[in-house]
Amino acid sequence: MNYEEASKELEQIVNKLENGNLPMSEALALFERGEELAKICFKHLDTAKGKLTIVKEELGKLVETDE
């Protein structure tokens, strides 16, 4: 599942939970699914952050070389 899919589903779950018109068992199941989706989102963000850090370091080396 990609970030966009996980984020969209998580947003839908949050909206359902905020309405508060759910039986406790359904709310609990949605909360647990939301935790799984949040982990997926954080994993994707961590990966992106790592890639950006590498690119930034490489660009820094290029700038130092050009000077």
N, C-alpha and C. Protein backbone atom coordinates (compact mmCIF):
# COMPACT_ATOMS: atom_id res chain seq x y z
N MET A 1 0.85 -1.17 0.00
CA MET A 1 0.00 0.00 0.00
C MET A 1 0.90 1.24 0.00
N ASN A 2 0.60 2.17 -0.89
CA ASN A 2 1.42 3.38 -0.94
C ASN A 2 0.92 4.42 0.07
N TYR A 3 1.68 5.49 0.20
CA TYR A 3 1.38 6.52 1.19
C TYR A 3 0.01 7.14 0.94
N GLU A 4 -0.27 7.47 -0.29
CA GLU A 4 -1.53 8.15 -0.61
C GLU A 4 -2.74 7.30 -0.25
N GLU A 5 -2.68 6.00 -0.54
CA GLU A 5 -3.78 5.10 -0.21
C GLU A 5 -3.97 4.99 1.29
N ALA A 6 -2.87 4.81 2.00
CA ALA A 6 -2.93 4.67 3.46
C ALA A 6 -3.45 5.95 4.10
N SER A 7 -2.96 7.07 3.63
CA SER A 7 -3.37 8.36 4.17
C SER A 7 -4.86 8.61 3.95
N LYS A 8 -5.33 8.29 2.76
CA LYS A 8 -6.75 8.49 2.43
C LYS A 8 -7.64 7.61 3.30
N GLU A 9 -7.27 6.34 3.45
CA GLU A 9 -8.07 5.44 4.28
C GLU A 9 -8.03 5.89 5.74
N LEU A 10 -6.87 6.33 6.20
CA LEU A 10 -6.75 6.81 7.57
C LEU A 10 -7.65 8.02 7.80
N GLU A 11 -7.69 8.92 6.85
CA GLU A 11 -8.55 10.10 6.95
C GLU A 11 -10.03 9.70 7.05
N GLN A 12 -10.43 8.70 6.27
CA GLN A 12 -11.81 8.22 6.32
C GLN A 12 -12.13 7.62 7.68
N ILE A 13 -11.19 6.89 8.24
CA ILE A 13 -11.39 6.29 9.56
C ILE A 13 -11.52 7.38 10.63
N VAL A 14 -10.66 8.37 10.57
CA VAL A 14 -10.73 9.47 11.53
C VAL A 14 -12.09 10.15 11.46
N ASN A 15 -12.58 10.39 10.26
CA ASN A 15 -13.90 11.03 10.10
C ASN A 15 -15.00 10.17 10.73
N LYS A 16 -14.95 8.87 10.51
CA LYS A 16 -15.95 7.98 11.10
C LYS A 16 -15.89 7.99 12.61
N LEU A 17 -14.68 7.95 13.14
CA LEU A 17 -14.52 7.95 14.60
C LEU A 17 -14.95 9.28 15.21
N GLU A 18 -14.71 10.37 14.53
CA GLU A 18 -15.10 11.69 15.05
C GLU A 18 -16.61 11.84 15.14
N ASN A 19 -17.34 11.17 14.24
CA ASN A 19 -18.79 11.25 14.28
C ASN A 19 -19.35 10.62 15.55
N GLY A 20 -18.68 9.60 16.05
CA GLY A 20 -19.05 9.01 17.33
C GLY A 20 -20.32 8.18 17.34
N ASN A 21 -20.85 7.86 16.20
CA ASN A 21 -22.10 7.10 16.13
C ASN A 21 -21.85 5.63 15.83
N LEU A 22 -20.79 5.07 16.36
CA LEU A 22 -20.42 3.69 16.07
C LEU A 22 -20.54 2.84 17.31
N PRO A 23 -20.87 1.57 17.12
CA PRO A 23 -20.80 0.65 18.26
C PRO A 23 -19.34 0.52 18.70
N MET A 24 -19.14 0.23 19.97
CA MET A 24 -17.80 0.16 20.54
C MET A 24 -16.91 -0.82 19.77
N SER A 25 -17.43 -1.98 19.40
CA SER A 25 -16.61 -2.98 18.71
C SER A 25 -16.14 -2.47 17.35
N GLU A 26 -17.01 -1.77 16.65
CA GLU A 26 -16.63 -1.22 15.35
C GLU A 26 -15.62 -0.08 15.51
N ALA A 27 -15.82 0.76 16.51
CA ALA A 27 -14.89 1.86 16.76
C ALA A 27 -13.51 1.31 17.10
N LEU A 28 -13.47 0.26 17.90
CA LEU A 28 -12.19 -0.35 18.27
C LEU A 28 -11.49 -0.94 17.05
N ALA A 29 -12.25 -1.63 16.20
CA ALA A 29 -11.67 -2.20 14.98
C ALA A 29 -11.13 -1.10 14.07
N LEU A 30 -11.86 -0.01 13.94
CA LEU A 30 -11.39 1.10 13.11
C LEU A 30 -10.14 1.74 13.72
N PHE A 31 -10.12 1.88 15.03
CA PHE A 31 -8.94 2.45 15.70
C PHE A 31 -7.71 1.59 15.44
N GLU A 32 -7.87 0.28 15.55
CA GLU A 32 -6.74 -0.63 15.31
C GLU A 32 -6.27 -0.54 13.86
N ARG A 33 -7.21 -0.46 12.93
CA ARG A 33 -6.84 -0.31 11.51
C ARG A 33 -6.12 1.02 11.31
N GLY A 34 -6.59 2.04 11.98
CA GLY A 34 -5.94 3.35 11.90
C GLY A 34 -4.50 3.31 12.37
N GLU A 35 -4.25 2.56 13.44
CA GLU A 35 -2.87 2.40 13.92
C GLU A 35 -1.99 1.75 12.86
N GLU A 36 -2.51 0.72 12.20
CA GLU A 36 -1.76 0.04 11.14
C GLU A 36 -1.45 1.01 10.00
N LEU A 37 -2.45 1.78 9.62
CA LEU A 37 -2.26 2.74 8.53
C LEU A 37 -1.28 3.84 8.90
N ALA A 38 -1.34 4.29 10.14
CA ALA A 38 -0.39 5.32 10.59
C ALA A 38 1.04 4.79 10.52
N LYS A 39 1.24 3.54 10.89
CA LYS A 39 2.57 2.94 10.80
C LYS A 39 3.05 2.90 9.36
N ILE A 40 2.15 2.56 8.44
CA ILE A 40 2.50 2.53 7.02
C ILE A 40 2.91 3.93 6.55
N CYS A 41 2.14 4.94 6.95
CA CYS A 41 2.45 6.31 6.55
C CYS A 41 3.80 6.75 7.10
N PHE A 42 4.05 6.47 8.38
CA PHE A 42 5.33 6.86 8.97
C PHE A 42 6.49 6.14 8.29
N LYS A 43 6.29 4.89 7.92
CA LYS A 43 7.35 4.14 7.22
C LYS A 43 7.69 4.82 5.90
N HIS A 44 6.67 5.20 5.15
CA HIS A 44 6.89 5.87 3.87
C HIS A 44 7.58 7.22 4.08
N LEU A 45 7.15 7.96 5.10
CA LEU A 45 7.77 9.26 5.37
C LEU A 45 9.22 9.12 5.79
N ASP A 46 9.52 8.11 6.61
CA ASP A 46 10.91 7.87 7.01
C ASP A 46 11.78 7.54 5.81
N THR A 47 11.24 6.72 4.90
CA THR A 47 11.98 6.36 3.69
C THR A 47 12.24 7.60 2.84
N ALA A 48 11.23 8.42 2.68
CA ALA A 48 11.38 9.65 1.89
C ALA A 48 12.40 10.58 2.54
N LYS A 49 12.34 10.69 3.85
CA LYS A 49 13.29 11.55 4.57
C LYS A 49 14.72 11.06 4.35
N GLY A 50 14.92 9.76 4.41
CA GLY A 50 16.25 9.19 4.18
C GLY A 50 16.76 9.50 2.78
N LYS A 51 15.88 9.36 1.81
CA LYS A 51 16.28 9.65 0.42
C LYS A 51 16.61 11.13 0.25
N LEU A 52 15.83 12.00 0.86
CA LEU A 52 16.10 13.43 0.77
C LEU A 52 17.43 13.80 1.44
N THR A 53 17.72 13.14 2.53
CA THR A 53 18.99 13.39 3.22
C THR A 53 20.16 13.01 2.32
N ILE A 54 20.05 11.88 1.65
CA ILE A 54 21.12 11.43 0.74
C ILE A 54 21.29 12.42 -0.40
N VAL A 55 20.19 12.85 -0.99
CA VAL A 55 20.25 13.80 -2.10
C VAL A 55 20.87 15.11 -1.63
N LYS A 56 20.47 15.57 -0.45
CA LYS A 56 21.01 16.82 0.09
C LYS A 56 22.52 16.71 0.31
N GLU A 57 22.96 15.58 0.84
CA GLU A 57 24.40 15.37 1.05
C GLU A 57 25.15 15.36 -0.28
N GLU A 58 24.58 14.70 -1.28
CA GLU A 58 25.23 14.64 -2.59
C GLU A 58 25.29 16.02 -3.23
N LEU A 59 24.21 16.79 -3.09
CA LEU A 59 24.22 18.15 -3.63
C LEU A 59 25.26 19.01 -2.92
N GLY A 60 25.38 18.82 -1.62
CA GLY A 60 26.38 19.56 -0.86
C GLY A 60 27.78 19.25 -1.35
N LYS A 61 28.06 17.99 -1.66
CA LYS A 61 29.37 17.60 -2.19
C LYS A 61 29.62 18.24 -3.55
N LEU A 62 28.57 18.29 -4.38
CA LEU A 62 28.72 18.90 -5.69
C LEU A 62 29.02 20.39 -5.58
N VAL A 63 28.37 21.06 -4.67
CA VAL A 63 28.59 22.49 -4.48
C VAL A 63 30.01 22.74 -3.98
N GLU A 64 30.48 21.92 -3.03
CA GLU A 64 31.84 22.06 -2.50
C GLU A 64 32.88 21.83 -3.60
N THR A 65 32.61 20.88 -4.49
CA THR A 65 33.53 20.56 -5.57
C THR A 65 33.62 21.70 -6.57
N ASP A 66 32.47 22.38 -6.81
CA ASP A 66 32.44 23.46 -7.79
C ASP A 66 33.14 24.72 -7.28
N GLU A 67 33.28 24.85 -6.00
CA GLU A 67 33.87 26.09 -5.45
C GLU A 67 35.33 26.07 -5.54
